Amino acid sequence: MSRMVRYSFIATSCVALAFAVGFFLQLPWATGLWPWPTSRLSNIFIASILAASAVPVLWIGLSGELAAITGGAINLCLTYLGMAAFSFQIYSQDTGRRPILLYAFVCIALALLCFGLIFWARRIRFRDTRPLPSGVRVSFIAFLIILILVGGALVLRMANIFPWRLSPEQSVLYGWIFLGAACYFLYALINPKWGNAQGQLLGFLAYDVVLIVPFLNHFATVDPRLRINLVIYTGVIIYSGLLAAYYLILNKATRFATSGNRTGLT
């Protein structure tokens, strides 16, 4: 059973990465599946979220750290439920927007799948039980607070914290993405084991790699009223990327070369 799950995770991650490439390159076969208002930077943001979701899934499949499924599944379950509820609300106001209704049902199906994964993985023990480093713990607390505040503001449409203009629909959808991510970090703080934090850091690294160059290029064209948003957002990207790179690659106590996990589909 566990081997089947691992192979499924590897295959799923490859599909998600393919869609990430499609959104990043603005390819119609990918962007045409998104039934909401969008733009170049919004498509790149969606690509970053897909990459941030795919890389931890790939890591779980390759490493066999199946206990890490729970945190990611909680993240995506909340995100999909929030998106589904909002999509049903929009469709109820305009029943001609059938792609929105289809999107809502897809979100419900994915949320149910994630719930099933939570139920299946909840009793699996972590293979890598090293404690969460203090630097990661403090950073995760900060990320948790930021994601709750930003996600809540976006869902309630109280403020636009992105460095480009969002439609009201984009604001709510992206807000649910951030609120779901907040649960991912909260779960790592509740279960402060290194095996429960690598997925978040890998996701952050993928997210940052996708966004950093487009954001740096955006400084030349950003609306002056949104420049401060771009400065702050870029700062967060740089910090989170350096944090992930240090603990995953450079720090001798936590880098992959010294991980307690065995890799390979054994």
C-alpha atoms as a PDB file:
ATOM      1  CA  MET A   1       0.000   0.000   0.000  1.00  0.00           C
ATOM      2  CA  SER A   2       2.723   2.465   0.961  1.00  0.00           C
ATOM      3  CA  ARG A   3       4.635   1.739  -2.251  1.00  0.00           C
ATOM      4  CA  MET A   4       1.517   2.445  -4.313  1.00  0.00           C
ATOM      5  CA  VAL A   5       1.035   5.726  -2.465  1.00  0.00           C
ATOM      6  CA  ARG A   6       4.644   6.707  -3.122  1.00  0.00           C
ATOM      7  CA  TYR A   7       4.411   5.933  -6.843  1.00  0.00           C
ATOM      8  CA  SER A   8       1.136   7.876  -6.983  1.00  0.00           C
ATOM      9  CA  PHE A   9       2.757  10.848  -5.297  1.00  0.00           C
ATOM     10  CA  ILE A  10       5.666  10.828  -7.743  1.00  0.00           C
ATOM     11  CA  ALA A  11       3.304  10.685 -10.717  1.00  0.00           C
ATOM     12  CA  THR A  12       1.052  13.399  -9.277  1.00  0.00           C
ATOM     13  CA  SER A  13       3.998  15.689  -8.634  1.00  0.00           C
ATOM     14  CA  CYS A  14       5.171  15.324 -12.231  1.00  0.00           C
ATOM     15  CA  VAL A  15       1.728  16.310 -13.509  1.00  0.00           C
ATOM     16  CA  ALA A  16       1.618  19.320 -11.172  1.00  0.00           C
ATOM     17  CA  LEU A  17       5.097  20.404 -12.272  1.00  0.00           C
ATOM     18  CA  ALA A  18       4.019  20.153 -15.910  1.00  0.00           C
ATOM     19  CA  PHE A  19       1.095  22.482 -15.164  1.00  0.00           C
ATOM     20  CA  ALA A  20       3.445  24.806 -13.290  1.00  0.00           C
ATOM     21  CA  VAL A  21       5.590  25.071 -16.417  1.00  0.00           C
ATOM     22  CA  GLY A  22       2.461  25.629 -18.506  1.00  0.00           C
ATOM     23  CA  PHE A  23       1.250  28.504 -16.327  1.00  0.00           C
ATOM     24  CA  PHE A  24       4.723  30.027 -16.066  1.00  0.00           C
ATOM     25  CA  LEU A  25       5.105  30.040 -19.865  1.00  0.00           C
ATOM     26  CA  GLN A  26       1.495  31.223 -20.357  1.00  0.00           C
ATOM     27  CA  LEU A  27       0.631  28.150 -22.441  1.00  0.00           C
ATOM     28  CA  PRO A  28      -3.069  28.059 -23.433  1.00  0.00           C
ATOM     29  CA  TRP A  29      -3.525  24.355 -22.605  1.00  0.00           C
ATOM     30  CA  ALA A  30      -2.732  25.201 -18.979  1.00  0.00           C
ATOM     31  CA  THR A  31      -4.085  28.725 -18.497  1.00  0.00           C
ATOM     32  CA  GLY A  32      -7.293  27.818 -20.337  1.00  0.00           C
ATOM     33  CA  LEU A  33      -8.239  25.487 -17.480  1.00  0.00           C
ATOM     34  CA  TRP A  34      -8.314  28.362 -14.967  1.00  0.00           C
ATOM     35  CA  PRO A  35     -11.873  29.788 -15.108  1.00  0.00           C
ATOM     36  CA  TRP A  36     -11.076  33.040 -13.292  1.00  0.00           C
ATOM     37  CA  PRO A  37      -9.743  36.469 -14.341  1.00  0.00           C
ATOM     38  CA  THR A  38      -5.997  36.308 -14.747  1.00  0.00           C
ATOM     39  CA  SER A  39      -2.892  38.120 -15.974  1.00  0.00           C
ATOM     40  CA  ARG A  40       0.744  37.297 -16.692  1.00  0.00           C
ATOM     41  CA  LEU A  41       1.879  37.772 -13.106  1.00  0.00           C
ATOM     42  CA  SER A  42      -1.170  35.958 -11.780  1.00  0.00           C
ATOM     43  CA  ASN A  43      -0.351  32.998 -14.025  1.00  0.00           C
ATOM     44  CA  ILE A  44       3.215  33.035 -12.713  1.00  0.00           C
ATOM     45  CA  PHE A  45       1.870  33.137  -9.153  1.00  0.00           C
ATOM     46  CA  ILE A  46      -0.315  30.097  -9.893  1.00  0.00           C
ATOM     47  CA  ALA A  47       2.777  28.392 -11.330  1.00  0.00           C
ATOM     48  CA  SER A  48       4.634  29.092  -8.082  1.00  0.00           C
ATOM     49  CA  ILE A  49       1.822  27.556  -6.014  1.00  0.00           C
ATOM     50  CA  LEU A  50       1.725  24.472  -8.221  1.00  0.00           C
ATOM     51  CA  ALA A  51       5.503  24.093  -7.912  1.00  0.00           C
ATOM     52  CA  ALA A  52       5.350  24.659  -4.151  1.00  0.00           C
ATOM     53  CA  SER A  53       2.768  21.877  -3.883  1.00  0.00           C
ATOM     54  CA  ALA A  54       4.455  19.484  -6.310  1.00  0.00           C
ATOM     55  CA  VAL A  55       7.978  19.486  -4.882  1.00  0.00           C
ATOM     56  CA  PRO A  56       7.003  18.349  -1.339  1.00  0.00           C
ATOM     57  CA  VAL A  57       4.779  15.666  -2.884  1.00  0.00           C
ATOM     58  CA  LEU A  58       7.725  14.474  -4.971  1.00  0.00           C
ATOM     59  CA  TRP A  59       9.954  14.472  -1.887  1.00  0.00           C
ATOM     60  CA  ILE A  60       7.436  12.395   0.086  1.00  0.00           C
ATOM     61  CA  GLY A  61       7.207   9.890  -2.758  1.00  0.00           C
ATOM     62  CA  LEU A  62      10.976   9.559  -3.098  1.00  0.00           C
ATOM     63  CA  SER A  63      11.898   9.631   0.591  1.00  0.00           C
ATOM     64  CA  GLY A  64       9.058   7.557   2.011  1.00  0.00           C
ATOM     65  CA  GLU A  65       8.370  10.111   4.771  1.00  0.00           C
ATOM     66  CA  LEU A  66       4.664   9.312   4.551  1.00  0.00           C
ATOM     67  CA  ALA A  67       3.833  10.938   7.882  1.00  0.00           C
ATOM     68  CA  ALA A  68       4.518  14.277   6.175  1.00  0.00           C
ATOM     69  CA  ILE A  69       1.394  13.719   4.088  1.00  0.00           C
ATOM     70  CA  THR A  70      -0.828  14.934   6.927  1.00  0.00           C
ATOM     71  CA  GLY A  71       0.372  18.536   7.039  1.00  0.00           C
ATOM     72  CA  GLY A  72       0.249  19.018   3.280  1.00  0.00           C
ATOM     73  CA  ALA A  73      -3.157  17.359   3.046  1.00  0.00           C
ATOM     74  CA  ILE A  74      -4.571  19.655   5.749  1.00  0.00           C
ATOM     75  CA  ASN A  75      -3.176  22.614   3.808  1.00  0.00           C
ATOM     76  CA  LEU A  76      -4.771  21.612   0.514  1.00  0.00           C
ATOM     77  CA  CYS A  77      -8.022  20.421   2.092  1.00  0.00           C
ATOM     78  CA  LEU A  78      -8.697  23.852   3.601  1.00  0.00           C
ATOM     79  CA  THR A  79      -7.633  25.625   0.417  1.00  0.00           C
ATOM     80  CA  TYR A  80      -9.893  23.544  -1.806  1.00  0.00           C
ATOM     81  CA  LEU A  81     -12.865  23.795   0.566  1.00  0.00           C
ATOM     82  CA  GLY A  82     -12.525  27.576   0.684  1.00  0.00           C
ATOM     83  CA  MET A  83     -12.197  27.815  -3.090  1.00  0.00           C
ATOM     84  CA  ALA A  84     -15.176  25.496  -3.580  1.00  0.00           C
ATOM     85  CA  ALA A  85     -17.401  27.508  -1.240  1.00  0.00           C
ATOM     86  CA  PHE A  86     -16.457  30.740  -2.991  1.00  0.00           C
ATOM     87  CA  SER A  87     -16.993  29.188  -6.427  1.00  0.00           C
ATOM     88  CA  PHE A  88     -20.478  27.976  -5.493  1.00  0.00           C
ATOM     89  CA  GLN A  89     -21.247  31.461  -4.197  1.00  0.00           C
ATOM     90  CA  ILE A  90     -20.163  33.090  -7.454  1.00  0.00           C
ATOM     91  CA  TYR A  91     -22.083  30.560  -9.532  1.00  0.00           C
ATOM     92  CA  SER A  92     -25.239  31.156  -7.508  1.00  0.00           C
ATOM     93  CA  GLN A  93     -25.010  34.827  -8.486  1.00  0.00           C
ATOM     94  CA  ASP A  94     -24.423  34.090 -12.176  1.00  0.00           C
ATOM     95  CA  THR A  95     -25.599  30.628 -13.272  1.00  0.00           C
ATOM     96  CA  GLY A  96     -24.254  31.234 -16.770  1.00  0.00           C
ATOM     97  CA  ARG A  97     -20.694  30.722 -15.577  1.00  0.00           C
ATOM     98  CA  ARG A  98     -20.687  26.931 -15.835  1.00  0.00           C
ATOM     99  CA  PRO A  99     -16.876  26.579 -15.821  1.00  0.00           C
ATOM    100  CA  ILE A 100     -16.988  28.027 -12.287  1.00  0.00           C
ATOM    101  CA  LEU A 101     -19.447  25.318 -11.223  1.00  0.00           C
ATOM    102  CA  LEU A 102     -17.207  22.620 -12.699  1.00  0.00           C
ATOM    103  CA  TYR A 103     -14.233  24.140 -10.886  1.00  0.00           C
ATOM    104  CA  ALA A 104     -16.186  24.038  -7.611  1.00  0.00           C
ATOM    105  CA  PHE A 105     -16.927  20.326  -7.996  1.00  0.00           C
ATOM    106  CA  VAL A 106     -13.283  19.606  -8.844  1.00  0.00           C
ATOM    107  CA  CYS A 107     -12.255  21.456  -5.681  1.00  0.00           C
ATOM    108  CA  ILE A 108     -14.721  19.416  -3.620  1.00  0.00           C
ATOM    109  CA  ALA A 109     -13.344  16.176  -5.091  1.00  0.00           C
ATOM    110  CA  LEU A 110      -9.769  17.231  -4.322  1.00  0.00           C
ATOM    111  CA  ALA A 111     -10.728  18.278  -0.790  1.00  0.00           C
ATOM    112  CA  LEU A 112     -12.300  14.858  -0.191  1.00  0.00           C
ATOM    113  CA  LEU A 113      -9.159  13.189  -1.520  1.00  0.00           C
ATOM    114  CA  CYS A 114      -7.032  15.258   0.851  1.00  0.00           C
ATOM    115  CA  PHE A 115      -9.334  14.405   3.748  1.00  0.00           C
ATOM    116  CA  GLY A 116      -8.908  10.740   2.930  1.00  0.00           C
ATOM    117  CA  LEU A 117      -5.136  11.165   2.950  1.00  0.00           C
ATOM    118  CA  ILE A 118      -5.308  12.862   6.352  1.00  0.00           C
ATOM    119  CA  PHE A 119      -7.327   9.947   7.727  1.00  0.00           C
ATOM    120  CA  TRP A 120      -4.953   7.386   6.172  1.00  0.00           C
ATOM    121  CA  ALA A 121      -1.682   9.033   7.220  1.00  0.00           C
ATOM    122  CA  ARG A 122      -2.614  10.326  10.667  1.00  0.00           C
ATOM    123  CA  ARG A 123      -1.148   7.342  12.545  1.00  0.00           C
ATOM    124  CA  ILE A 124       2.055   6.971  10.524  1.00  0.00           C
ATOM    125  CA  ARG A 125       5.157   7.833  12.502  1.00  0.00           C
ATOM    126  CA  PHE A 126       7.875  10.124  11.206  1.00  0.00           C
ATOM    127  CA  ARG A 127      11.055   8.409  10.120  1.00  0.00           C
ATOM    128  CA  ASP A 128      13.161  11.533  10.726  1.00  0.00           C
ATOM    129  CA  THR A 129      12.431  12.569  14.313  1.00  0.00           C
ATOM    130  CA  ARG A 130      15.198  15.117  14.784  1.00  0.00           C
ATOM    131  CA  PRO A 131      13.854  18.227  16.550  1.00  0.00           C
ATOM    132  CA  LEU A 132      12.888  21.317  14.611  1.00  0.00           C
ATOM    133  CA  PRO A 133      15.848  23.770  14.622  1.00  0.00           C
ATOM    134  CA  SER A 134      15.171  26.941  16.563  1.00  0.00           C
ATOM    135  CA  GLY A 135      15.734  29.129  13.498  1.00  0.00           C
ATOM    136  CA  VAL A 136      13.119  27.191  11.565  1.00  0.00           C
ATOM    137  CA  ARG A 137      10.710  27.242  14.507  1.00  0.00           C
ATOM    138  CA  VAL A 138      10.893  31.026  14.901  1.00  0.00           C
ATOM    139  CA  SER A 139      10.581  31.549  11.150  1.00  0.00           C
ATOM    140  CA  PHE A 140       7.564  29.240  10.950  1.00  0.00           C
ATOM    141  CA  ILE A 141       5.848  31.223  13.712  1.00  0.00           C
ATOM    142  CA  ALA A 142       6.450  34.416  11.732  1.00  0.00           C
ATOM    143  CA  PHE A 143       5.227  32.822   8.500  1.00  0.00           C
ATOM    144  CA  LEU A 144       2.120  31.526  10.286  1.00  0.00           C
ATOM    145  CA  ILE A 145       1.200  34.990  11.556  1.00  0.00           C
ATOM    146  CA  ILE A 146       1.880  36.626   8.190  1.00  0.00           C
ATOM    147  CA  LEU A 147      -0.114  34.038   6.253  1.00  0.00           C
ATOM    148  CA  ILE A 148      -3.126  34.330   8.572  1.00  0.00           C
ATOM    149  CA  LEU A 149      -3.129  38.123   8.410  1.00  0.00           C
ATOM    150  CA  VAL A 150      -2.530  38.311   4.671  1.00  0.00           C
ATOM    151  CA  GLY A 151      -4.852  35.433   3.821  1.00  0.00           C
ATOM    152  CA  GLY A 152      -7.631  36.842   5.985  1.00  0.00           C
ATOM    153  CA  ALA A 153      -7.250  40.301   4.452  1.00  0.00           C
ATOM    154  CA  LEU A 154      -7.424  38.851   0.945  1.00  0.00           C
ATOM    155  CA  VAL A 155     -10.462  36.638   1.628  1.00  0.00           C
ATOM    156  CA  LEU A 156     -12.286  39.592   3.219  1.00  0.00           C
ATOM    157  CA  ARG A 157     -11.058  41.863   0.396  1.00  0.00           C
ATOM    158  CA  MET A 158      -9.746  44.319   2.946  1.00  0.00           C
ATOM    159  CA  ALA A 159      -6.443  45.063   1.208  1.00  0.00           C
ATOM    160  CA  ASN A 160      -4.374  44.193  -1.855  1.00  0.00           C
ATOM    161  CA  ILE A 161      -0.954  43.108  -0.638  1.00  0.00           C
ATOM    162  CA  PHE A 162       0.176  41.835  -4.049  1.00  0.00           C
ATOM    163  CA  PRO A 163       2.459  44.002  -6.216  1.00  0.00           C
ATOM    164  CA  TRP A 164      -0.116  44.013  -9.006  1.00  0.00           C
ATOM    165  CA  ARG A 165      -3.847  44.658  -9.110  1.00  0.00           C
ATOM    166  CA  LEU A 166      -6.074  41.738  -8.206  1.00  0.00           C
ATOM    167  CA  SER A 167      -9.710  41.296  -9.113  1.00  0.00           C
ATOM    168  CA  PRO A 168     -12.047  40.634  -6.153  1.00  0.00           C
ATOM    169  CA  GLU A 169     -12.263  37.001  -7.230  1.00  0.00           C
ATOM    170  CA  GLN A 170      -8.472  36.611  -7.369  1.00  0.00           C
ATOM    171  CA  SER A 171      -8.197  38.194  -3.936  1.00  0.00           C
ATOM    172  CA  VAL A 172     -10.477  35.609  -2.321  1.00  0.00           C
ATOM    173  CA  LEU A 173      -8.956  32.622  -4.121  1.00  0.00           C
ATOM    174  CA  TYR A 174      -5.381  33.621  -3.288  1.00  0.00           C
ATOM    175  CA  GLY A 175      -6.429  34.315   0.274  1.00  0.00           C
ATOM    176  CA  TRP A 176      -7.567  30.717   0.682  1.00  0.00           C
ATOM    177  CA  ILE A 177      -4.207  29.558  -0.685  1.00  0.00           C
ATOM    178  CA  PHE A 178      -2.441  31.540   2.040  1.00  0.00           C
ATOM    179  CA  LEU A 179      -4.788  30.359   4.790  1.00  0.00           C
ATOM    180  CA  GLY A 180      -4.239  26.763   3.739  1.00  0.00           C
ATOM    181  CA  ALA A 181      -0.477  27.314   3.818  1.00  0.00           C
ATOM    182  CA  ALA A 182      -0.814  28.734   7.334  1.00  0.00           C
ATOM    183  CA  CYS A 183      -2.193  25.365   8.462  1.00  0.00           C
ATOM    184  CA  TYR A 184       0.826  23.649   6.911  1.00  0.00           C
ATOM    185  CA  PHE A 185       3.198  25.685   9.090  1.00  0.00           C
ATOM    186  CA  LEU A 186       0.970  25.344  12.138  1.00  0.00           C
ATOM    187  CA  TYR A 187       1.047  21.569  11.841  1.00  0.00           C
ATOM    188  CA  ALA A 188       4.850  21.634  11.742  1.00  0.00           C
ATOM    189  CA  LEU A 189       4.875  23.713  14.927  1.00  0.00           C
ATOM    190  CA  ILE A 190       2.462  21.334  16.661  1.00  0.00           C
ATOM    191  CA  ASN A 191       4.611  18.356  15.599  1.00  0.00           C
ATOM    192  CA  PRO A 192       8.095  19.921  15.640  1.00  0.00           C
ATOM    193  CA  LYS A 193      10.063  17.159  13.961  1.00  0.00           C
ATOM    194  CA  TRP A 194      12.484  17.745  11.114  1.00  0.00           C
ATOM    195  CA  GLY A 195      10.629  15.225   8.971  1.00  0.00           C
ATOM    196  CA  ASN A 196       7.576  17.433   9.363  1.00  0.00           C
ATOM    197  CA  ALA A 197       9.342  20.608   8.207  1.00  0.00           C
ATOM    198  CA  GLN A 198      11.268  19.584   5.113  1.00  0.00           C
ATOM    199  CA  GLY A 199       8.156  19.644   2.945  1.00  0.00           C
ATOM    200  CA  GLN A 200       7.385  23.243   3.888  1.00  0.00           C
ATOM    201  CA  LEU A 201      10.947  24.344   3.193  1.00  0.00           C
ATOM    202  CA  LEU A 202      11.084  22.497  -0.119  1.00  0.00           C
ATOM    203  CA  GLY A 203       7.795  24.090  -1.091  1.00  0.00           C
ATOM    204  CA  PHE A 204       9.113  27.504  -0.132  1.00  0.00           C
ATOM    205  CA  LEU A 205      12.249  26.961  -2.193  1.00  0.00           C
ATOM    206  CA  ALA A 206      10.233  25.989  -5.278  1.00  0.00           C
ATOM    207  CA  TYR A 207       7.859  28.932  -4.751  1.00  0.00           C
ATOM    208  CA  ASP A 208      10.769  31.350  -4.447  1.00  0.00           C
ATOM    209  CA  VAL A 209      12.626  30.018  -7.491  1.00  0.00           C
ATOM    210  CA  VAL A 210       9.551  30.540  -9.662  1.00  0.00           C
ATOM    211  CA  LEU A 211       8.802  34.055  -8.399  1.00  0.00           C
ATOM    212  CA  ILE A 212      12.135  35.728  -7.770  1.00  0.00           C
ATOM    213  CA  VAL A 213      13.140  36.659 -11.345  1.00  0.00           C
ATOM    214  CA  PRO A 214       9.650  37.846 -12.421  1.00  0.00           C
ATOM    215  CA  PHE A 215       9.418  39.927  -9.243  1.00  0.00           C
ATOM    216  CA  LEU A 216      12.842  41.500  -9.756  1.00  0.00           C
ATOM    217  CA  ASN A 217      11.907  42.293 -13.354  1.00  0.00           C
ATOM    218  CA  HIS A 218       8.611  43.774 -12.150  1.00  0.00           C
ATOM    219  CA  PHE A 219      10.443  46.597 -10.379  1.00  0.00           C
ATOM    220  CA  ALA A 220      10.812  48.290 -13.779  1.00  0.00           C
ATOM    221  CA  THR A 221       7.065  48.380 -14.443  1.00  0.00           C
ATOM    222  CA  VAL A 222       5.335  48.206 -11.068  1.00  0.00           C
ATOM    223  CA  ASP A 223       2.644  50.750 -10.247  1.00  0.00           C
ATOM    224  CA  PRO A 224       4.363  53.261  -7.939  1.00  0.00           C
ATOM    225  CA  ARG A 225       1.495  52.860  -5.458  1.00  0.00           C
ATOM    226  CA  LEU A 226       2.277  49.129  -5.247  1.00  0.00           C
ATOM    227  CA  ARG A 227       6.068  49.414  -5.082  1.00  0.00           C
ATOM    228  CA  ILE A 228       6.119  48.968  -1.305  1.00  0.00           C
ATOM    229  CA  ASN A 229       4.126  45.728  -1.751  1.00  0.00           C
ATOM    230  CA  LEU A 230       6.751  44.511  -4.209  1.00  0.00           C
ATOM    231  CA  VAL A 231       9.617  45.445  -1.886  1.00  0.00           C
ATOM    232  CA  ILE A 232       8.070  43.609   1.075  1.00  0.00           C
ATOM    233  CA  TYR A 233       6.994  40.577  -0.944  1.00  0.00           C
ATOM    234  CA  THR A 234      10.419  40.277  -2.582  1.00  0.00           C
ATOM    235  CA  GLY A 235      12.063  40.559   0.833  1.00  0.00           C
ATOM    236  CA  VAL A 236       9.950  37.680   2.145  1.00  0.00           C
ATOM    237  CA  ILE A 237      10.832  35.593  -0.915  1.00  0.00           C
ATOM    238  CA  ILE A 238      14.556  36.216  -0.462  1.00  0.00           C
ATOM    239  CA  TYR A 239      14.440  35.440   3.268  1.00  0.00           C
ATOM    240  CA  SER A 240      12.408  32.247   2.885  1.00  0.00           C
ATOM    241  CA  GLY A 241      14.610  31.087   0.027  1.00  0.00           C
ATOM    242  CA  LEU A 242      17.784  31.618   2.042  1.00  0.00           C
ATOM    243  CA  LEU A 243      16.224  29.897   5.059  1.00  0.00           C
ATOM    244  CA  ALA A 244      15.266  26.849   2.996  1.00  0.00           C
ATOM    245  CA  ALA A 245      18.615  26.695   1.197  1.00  0.00           C
ATOM    246  CA  TYR A 246      20.561  26.914   4.451  1.00  0.00           C
ATOM    247  CA  TYR A 247      18.718  24.169   6.324  1.00  0.00           C
ATOM    248  CA  LEU A 248      18.159  21.867   3.341  1.00  0.00           C
ATOM    249  CA  ILE A 249      21.558  22.197   1.676  1.00  0.00           C
ATOM    250  CA  LEU A 250      24.173  23.948   3.816  1.00  0.00           C
ATOM    251  CA  ASN A 251      23.531  23.117   7.464  1.00  0.00           C
ATOM    252  CA  LYS A 252      25.379  19.888   8.292  1.00  0.00           C
ATOM    253  CA  ALA A 253      22.841  18.839  10.925  1.00  0.00           C
ATOM    254  CA  THR A 254      19.805  18.996   8.641  1.00  0.00           C
ATOM    255  CA  ARG A 255      20.889  18.849   5.020  1.00  0.00           C
ATOM    256  CA  PHE A 256      19.776  15.919   2.905  1.00  0.00           C
ATOM    257  CA  ALA A 257      23.184  14.248   2.992  1.00  0.00           C
ATOM    258  CA  THR A 258      22.817  13.708   6.749  1.00  0.00           C
ATOM    259  CA  SER A 259      19.104  13.023   6.818  1.00  0.00           C
ATOM    260  CA  GLY A 260      17.870  10.124   8.885  1.00  0.00           C
ATOM    261  CA  ASN A 261      15.572   9.194   6.008  1.00  0.00           C
ATOM    262  CA  ARG A 262      16.437   6.469   3.545  1.00  0.00           C
ATOM    263  CA  THR A 263      15.718   7.429  -0.022  1.00  0.00           C
ATOM    264  CA  GLY A 264      14.528   5.216  -2.800  1.00  0.00           C
ATOM    265  CA  LEU A 265      11.395   3.179  -3.270  1.00  0.00           C
ATOM    266  CA  THR A 266      12.209   0.398  -0.823  1.00  0.00           C
END
